Amino acid sequence: GFCAVVAPACYVALLLVVLVAVRRPPAPAWVGTAMRWVDRLRPWSMNEVLMLGILVALTKIAQLASVFAGPGLYAMLAIVLLLPAIMSTFDAREVWQRVAWADGTPAGDLAREPAP
């Protein structure tokens, strides 16, 4: 449960930081590192699996007790809708084109991205 909350929250927060930083090209060199972390966090935000687990748990516990949808369920529903919307509209190539490395040269495209 803890990773299911922390990973999507970190993913969205880091992506927001990257998007704010690249508003005016060239973006700072640290945005390249942040973009790599965004890419590493994406597989950990398995919101589909968590939502399926919540639905199964709610179905099973509804037989034993009264179940009410609270703020946590609404927040989970929001993240389930938000993450696919982000993934379908976010253009990583556009961000990489705005990144300037420490030596001041622009990144250009993904092919010229430096090794981690």
N, C-alpha and C. Protein backbone atom coordinates (compact mmCIF):
# COMPACT_ATOMS: atom_id res chain seq x y z
N GLY A 1 0.79 -1.18 0.00
CA GLY A 1 0.00 0.00 0.00
C GLY A 1 0.84 1.26 0.00
N PHE A 2 1.94 1.29 0.79
CA PHE A 2 2.73 2.51 0.90
C PHE A 2 3.34 2.91 -0.45
N CYS A 3 3.94 1.94 -1.15
CA CYS A 3 4.55 2.21 -2.46
C CYS A 3 3.49 2.61 -3.49
N ALA A 4 2.29 2.08 -3.33
CA ALA A 4 1.22 2.41 -4.27
C ALA A 4 0.79 3.85 -4.13
N VAL A 5 1.07 4.48 -3.01
CA VAL A 5 0.73 5.88 -2.80
C VAL A 5 1.93 6.78 -3.08
N VAL A 6 3.10 6.38 -2.62
CA VAL A 6 4.28 7.23 -2.73
C VAL A 6 4.78 7.33 -4.18
N ALA A 7 4.83 6.22 -4.89
CA ALA A 7 5.36 6.24 -6.27
C ALA A 7 4.53 7.14 -7.20
N PRO A 8 3.20 7.01 -7.24
CA PRO A 8 2.44 7.93 -8.10
C PRO A 8 2.55 9.39 -7.65
N ALA A 9 2.60 9.63 -6.35
CA ALA A 9 2.73 11.00 -5.85
C ALA A 9 4.07 11.60 -6.27
N CYS A 10 5.14 10.83 -6.13
CA CYS A 10 6.47 11.31 -6.56
C CYS A 10 6.52 11.52 -8.06
N TYR A 11 5.90 10.63 -8.81
CA TYR A 11 5.86 10.73 -10.27
C TYR A 11 5.18 12.03 -10.69
N VAL A 12 4.01 12.29 -10.15
CA VAL A 12 3.26 13.50 -10.51
C VAL A 12 4.00 14.75 -10.05
N ALA A 13 4.55 14.74 -8.84
CA ALA A 13 5.27 15.90 -8.32
C ALA A 13 6.53 16.19 -9.14
N LEU A 14 7.29 15.16 -9.46
CA LEU A 14 8.51 15.35 -10.24
C LEU A 14 8.19 15.81 -11.66
N LEU A 15 7.14 15.28 -12.24
CA LEU A 15 6.72 15.70 -13.57
C LEU A 15 6.28 17.17 -13.55
N LEU A 16 5.61 17.59 -12.51
CA LEU A 16 5.20 18.98 -12.37
C LEU A 16 6.41 19.89 -12.28
N VAL A 17 7.42 19.48 -11.50
CA VAL A 17 8.65 20.27 -11.38
C VAL A 17 9.34 20.39 -12.74
N VAL A 18 9.39 19.29 -13.49
CA VAL A 18 10.01 19.31 -14.82
C VAL A 18 9.25 20.26 -15.75
N LEU A 19 7.94 20.17 -15.75
CA LEU A 19 7.15 21.01 -16.65
C LEU A 19 7.27 22.49 -16.32
N VAL A 20 7.38 22.82 -15.04
CA VAL A 20 7.57 24.22 -14.65
C VAL A 20 8.96 24.69 -15.08
N ALA A 21 9.96 23.83 -14.95
CA ALA A 21 11.34 24.20 -15.28
C ALA A 21 11.56 24.39 -16.77
N VAL A 22 10.81 23.74 -17.62
CA VAL A 22 11.04 23.83 -19.07
C VAL A 22 10.15 24.85 -19.75
N ARG A 23 9.48 25.67 -18.98
CA ARG A 23 8.60 26.66 -19.59
C ARG A 23 9.36 27.62 -20.49
N ARG A 24 10.57 27.97 -20.12
CA ARG A 24 11.40 28.85 -20.96
C ARG A 24 12.68 28.12 -21.32
N PRO A 25 12.84 27.78 -22.61
CA PRO A 25 14.08 27.10 -23.00
C PRO A 25 15.26 28.06 -22.95
N PRO A 26 16.45 27.61 -22.70
CA PRO A 26 16.82 26.25 -22.34
C PRO A 26 16.56 25.99 -20.86
N ALA A 27 16.13 24.81 -20.57
CA ALA A 27 15.88 24.41 -19.19
C ALA A 27 17.20 24.14 -18.49
N PRO A 28 17.22 24.21 -17.17
CA PRO A 28 18.46 23.92 -16.43
C PRO A 28 18.92 22.48 -16.65
N ALA A 29 20.20 22.23 -16.40
CA ALA A 29 20.77 20.90 -16.63
C ALA A 29 20.17 19.84 -15.71
N TRP A 30 19.70 20.22 -14.53
CA TRP A 30 19.14 19.24 -13.60
C TRP A 30 17.82 18.66 -14.10
N VAL A 31 17.21 19.28 -15.08
CA VAL A 31 15.95 18.76 -15.62
C VAL A 31 16.20 17.41 -16.32
N GLY A 32 17.37 17.23 -16.91
CA GLY A 32 17.70 15.94 -17.52
C GLY A 32 17.71 14.82 -16.50
N THR A 33 18.29 15.08 -15.33
CA THR A 33 18.29 14.09 -14.25
C THR A 33 16.88 13.83 -13.76
N ALA A 34 16.09 14.89 -13.62
CA ALA A 34 14.70 14.73 -13.18
C ALA A 34 13.89 13.93 -14.19
N MET A 35 14.15 14.14 -15.48
CA MET A 35 13.45 13.38 -16.52
C MET A 35 13.80 11.90 -16.43
N ARG A 36 15.05 11.59 -16.14
CA ARG A 36 15.43 10.18 -15.97
C ARG A 36 14.70 9.56 -14.78
N TRP A 37 14.54 10.32 -13.69
CA TRP A 37 13.81 9.82 -12.52
C TRP A 37 12.32 9.64 -12.83
N VAL A 38 11.77 10.54 -13.63
CA VAL A 38 10.37 10.39 -14.06
C VAL A 38 10.21 9.08 -14.82
N ASP A 39 11.16 8.80 -15.70
CA ASP A 39 11.09 7.57 -16.48
C ASP A 39 11.25 6.33 -15.58
N ARG A 40 12.08 6.43 -14.54
CA ARG A 40 12.27 5.29 -13.62
C ARG A 40 11.06 5.08 -12.71
N LEU A 41 10.34 6.14 -12.38
CA LEU A 41 9.19 6.02 -11.49
C LEU A 41 7.92 5.54 -12.19
N ARG A 42 7.86 5.70 -13.49
CA ARG A 42 6.64 5.35 -14.23
C ARG A 42 6.20 3.90 -14.01
N PRO A 43 7.07 2.90 -14.09
CA PRO A 43 6.61 1.52 -13.86
C PRO A 43 6.11 1.28 -12.44
N TRP A 44 6.60 2.05 -11.47
CA TRP A 44 6.21 1.84 -10.08
C TRP A 44 4.83 2.40 -9.77
N SER A 45 4.32 3.27 -10.62
CA SER A 45 2.99 3.82 -10.36
C SER A 45 1.94 2.93 -11.02
N MET A 46 1.77 1.74 -10.46
CA MET A 46 0.84 0.73 -11.00
C MET A 46 -0.56 0.97 -10.45
N ASN A 47 -1.17 2.06 -10.88
CA ASN A 47 -2.47 2.41 -10.33
C ASN A 47 -3.58 1.46 -10.77
N GLU A 48 -3.44 0.80 -11.90
CA GLU A 48 -4.47 -0.14 -12.36
C GLU A 48 -4.55 -1.33 -11.41
N VAL A 49 -3.39 -1.83 -11.00
CA VAL A 49 -3.35 -2.97 -10.08
C VAL A 49 -3.93 -2.58 -8.73
N LEU A 50 -3.58 -1.40 -8.25
CA LEU A 50 -4.11 -0.93 -6.97
C LEU A 50 -5.62 -0.75 -7.03
N MET A 51 -6.12 -0.19 -8.12
CA MET A 51 -7.56 0.01 -8.25
C MET A 51 -8.29 -1.33 -8.29
N LEU A 52 -7.74 -2.31 -8.97
CA LEU A 52 -8.35 -3.64 -8.99
C LEU A 52 -8.36 -4.24 -7.59
N GLY A 53 -7.29 -4.07 -6.85
CA GLY A 53 -7.23 -4.56 -5.48
C GLY A 53 -8.25 -3.88 -4.58
N ILE A 54 -8.44 -2.58 -4.77
CA ILE A 54 -9.44 -1.85 -3.99
C ILE A 54 -10.84 -2.36 -4.30
N LEU A 55 -11.13 -2.56 -5.58
CA LEU A 55 -12.46 -3.06 -5.96
C LEU A 55 -12.73 -4.45 -5.40
N VAL A 56 -11.74 -5.33 -5.45
CA VAL A 56 -11.91 -6.68 -4.89
C VAL A 56 -12.11 -6.61 -3.38
N ALA A 57 -11.30 -5.78 -2.71
CA ALA A 57 -11.43 -5.65 -1.25
C ALA A 57 -12.78 -5.07 -0.87
N LEU A 58 -13.25 -4.08 -1.60
CA LEU A 58 -14.55 -3.49 -1.30
C LEU A 58 -15.67 -4.50 -1.52
N THR A 59 -15.56 -5.30 -2.54
CA THR A 59 -16.58 -6.32 -2.82
C THR A 59 -16.61 -7.35 -1.71
N LYS A 60 -15.45 -7.78 -1.25
CA LYS A 60 -15.38 -8.80 -0.20
C LYS A 60 -15.82 -8.26 1.15
N ILE A 61 -15.41 -7.03 1.48
CA ILE A 61 -15.74 -6.49 2.80
C ILE A 61 -17.18 -6.01 2.87
N ALA A 62 -17.80 -5.73 1.73
CA ALA A 62 -19.19 -5.27 1.71
C ALA A 62 -20.13 -6.33 2.28
N GLN A 63 -19.73 -7.59 2.24
CA GLN A 63 -20.54 -8.66 2.79
C GLN A 63 -20.50 -8.65 4.32
N LEU A 64 -19.46 -8.07 4.89
CA LEU A 64 -19.27 -8.10 6.34
C LEU A 64 -19.64 -6.78 7.03
N ALA A 65 -19.52 -5.67 6.33
CA ALA A 65 -19.71 -4.37 6.97
C ALA A 65 -20.26 -3.37 5.96
N SER A 66 -20.68 -2.23 6.47
CA SER A 66 -21.13 -1.15 5.59
C SER A 66 -19.90 -0.44 5.03
N VAL A 67 -19.92 -0.18 3.75
CA VAL A 67 -18.79 0.46 3.08
C VAL A 67 -19.25 1.78 2.49
N PHE A 68 -18.52 2.86 2.82
CA PHE A 68 -18.82 4.17 2.30
C PHE A 68 -17.59 4.70 1.56
N ALA A 69 -17.84 5.36 0.44
CA ALA A 69 -16.75 5.97 -0.32
C ALA A 69 -16.32 7.24 0.39
N GLY A 70 -15.08 7.29 0.79
CA GLY A 70 -14.55 8.46 1.49
C GLY A 70 -13.57 9.23 0.62
N PRO A 71 -12.88 10.18 1.18
CA PRO A 71 -11.94 11.00 0.40
C PRO A 71 -10.79 10.18 -0.20
N GLY A 72 -10.38 9.12 0.48
CA GLY A 72 -9.30 8.30 -0.05
C GLY A 72 -9.68 7.62 -1.36
N LEU A 73 -10.90 7.12 -1.42
CA LEU A 73 -11.36 6.47 -2.65
C LEU A 73 -11.50 7.49 -3.78
N TYR A 74 -11.98 8.68 -3.46
CA TYR A 74 -12.10 9.72 -4.48
C TYR A 74 -10.72 10.19 -4.96
N ALA A 75 -9.76 10.26 -4.05
CA ALA A 75 -8.39 10.62 -4.44
C ALA A 75 -7.79 9.54 -5.34
N MET A 76 -8.05 8.28 -5.01
CA MET A 76 -7.55 7.18 -5.84
C MET A 76 -8.18 7.21 -7.22
N LEU A 77 -9.47 7.49 -7.28
CA LEU A 77 -10.15 7.62 -8.57
C LEU A 77 -9.54 8.76 -9.39
N ALA A 78 -9.22 9.87 -8.72
CA ALA A 78 -8.61 11.00 -9.42
C ALA A 78 -7.24 10.62 -9.99
N ILE A 79 -6.43 9.90 -9.22
CA ILE A 79 -5.11 9.52 -9.72
C ILE A 79 -5.21 8.48 -10.83
N VAL A 80 -6.22 7.61 -10.75
CA VAL A 80 -6.43 6.62 -11.81
C VAL A 80 -6.79 7.32 -13.12
N LEU A 81 -7.50 8.42 -13.06
CA LEU A 81 -7.84 9.18 -14.26
C LEU A 81 -6.72 10.13 -14.69
N LEU A 82 -5.99 10.66 -13.71
CA LEU A 82 -4.94 11.63 -14.00
C LEU A 82 -3.71 11.01 -14.67
N LEU A 83 -3.25 9.86 -14.18
CA LEU A 83 -2.03 9.27 -14.72
C LEU A 83 -2.13 8.89 -16.20
N PRO A 84 -3.21 8.24 -16.66
CA PRO A 84 -3.29 7.97 -18.10
C PRO A 84 -3.40 9.26 -18.93
N ALA A 85 -4.06 10.27 -18.39
CA ALA A 85 -4.14 11.55 -19.11
C ALA A 85 -2.76 12.17 -19.26
N ILE A 86 -1.96 12.10 -18.19
CA ILE A 86 -0.60 12.63 -18.26
C ILE A 86 0.23 11.85 -19.27
N MET A 87 0.16 10.52 -19.21
CA MET A 87 0.98 9.69 -20.09
C MET A 87 0.60 9.85 -21.56
N SER A 88 -0.65 10.17 -21.84
CA SER A 88 -1.06 10.30 -23.24
C SER A 88 -0.76 11.69 -23.81
N THR A 89 -0.59 12.71 -22.95
CA THR A 89 -0.36 14.05 -23.46
C THR A 89 1.06 14.56 -23.25
N PHE A 90 1.84 13.91 -22.41
CA PHE A 90 3.20 14.36 -22.12
C PHE A 90 4.14 13.97 -23.25
N ASP A 91 4.88 14.93 -23.78
CA ASP A 91 5.82 14.69 -24.87
C ASP A 91 7.25 14.83 -24.34
N ALA A 92 7.89 13.70 -24.08
CA ALA A 92 9.24 13.72 -23.53
C ALA A 92 10.24 14.33 -24.50
N ARG A 93 10.05 14.13 -25.79
CA ARG A 93 10.98 14.71 -26.77
C ARG A 93 11.01 16.23 -26.70
N GLU A 94 9.85 16.83 -26.50
CA GLU A 94 9.79 18.29 -26.38
C GLU A 94 10.57 18.76 -25.16
N VAL A 95 10.47 18.04 -24.06
CA VAL A 95 11.21 18.41 -22.85
C VAL A 95 12.70 18.25 -23.08
N TRP A 96 13.11 17.12 -23.69
CA TRP A 96 14.54 16.90 -23.94
C TRP A 96 15.11 17.96 -24.86
N GLN A 97 14.33 18.49 -25.79
CA GLN A 97 14.82 19.54 -26.68
C GLN A 97 15.08 20.85 -25.95
N ARG A 98 14.44 21.04 -24.83
CA ARG A 98 14.60 22.28 -24.07
C ARG A 98 15.69 22.21 -23.00
N VAL A 99 16.24 21.03 -22.77
CA VAL A 99 17.24 20.86 -21.71
C VAL A 99 18.60 21.36 -22.19
N ALA A 100 19.25 22.16 -21.34
CA ALA A 100 20.64 22.58 -21.60
C ALA A 100 21.52 21.87 -20.60
N TRP A 101 22.58 21.26 -21.07
CA TRP A 101 23.47 20.52 -20.17
C TRP A 101 24.40 21.48 -19.45
N ALA A 102 25.21 20.96 -18.57
CA ALA A 102 26.09 21.78 -17.73
C ALA A 102 27.07 22.60 -18.56
N ASP A 103 27.45 22.12 -19.73
CA ASP A 103 28.39 22.87 -20.55
C ASP A 103 27.70 23.93 -21.40
N GLY A 104 26.36 24.03 -21.28
CA GLY A 104 25.63 25.08 -21.98
C GLY A 104 25.09 24.68 -23.34
N THR A 105 25.40 23.48 -23.81
CA THR A 105 24.88 23.07 -25.11
C THR A 105 23.48 22.50 -24.96
N PRO A 106 22.59 22.79 -25.92
CA PRO A 106 21.25 22.23 -25.85
C PRO A 106 21.27 20.73 -26.12
N ALA A 107 20.28 20.04 -25.60
CA ALA A 107 20.24 18.58 -25.73
C ALA A 107 19.89 18.17 -27.14
N GLY A 108 19.10 18.94 -27.84
CA GLY A 108 18.69 18.55 -29.20
C GLY A 108 17.59 17.51 -29.14
N ASP A 109 17.95 16.25 -29.31
CA ASP A 109 16.93 15.19 -29.26
C ASP A 109 17.40 14.07 -28.34
N LEU A 110 16.61 13.02 -28.26
CA LEU A 110 16.91 11.91 -27.37
C LEU A 110 18.19 11.18 -27.76
N ALA A 111 18.56 11.24 -29.03
CA ALA A 111 19.75 10.53 -29.48
C ALA A 111 21.02 11.14 -28.88
N ARG A 112 21.00 12.44 -28.55
CA ARG A 112 22.17 13.09 -27.99
C ARG A 112 22.13 13.17 -26.48
N GLU A 113 21.19 12.49 -25.87
CA GLU A 113 21.07 12.50 -24.40
C GLU A 113 22.31 11.84 -23.80
N PRO A 114 22.94 12.48 -22.80
CA PRO A 114 24.14 11.88 -22.19
C PRO A 114 23.80 10.64 -21.39
N ALA A 115 24.77 9.80 -21.23
CA ALA A 115 24.58 8.55 -20.46
C ALA A 115 24.44 8.90 -18.99
N PRO A 116 23.62 8.11 -18.25
CA PRO A 116 23.43 8.39 -16.81
C PRO A 116 24.66 8.14 -15.99
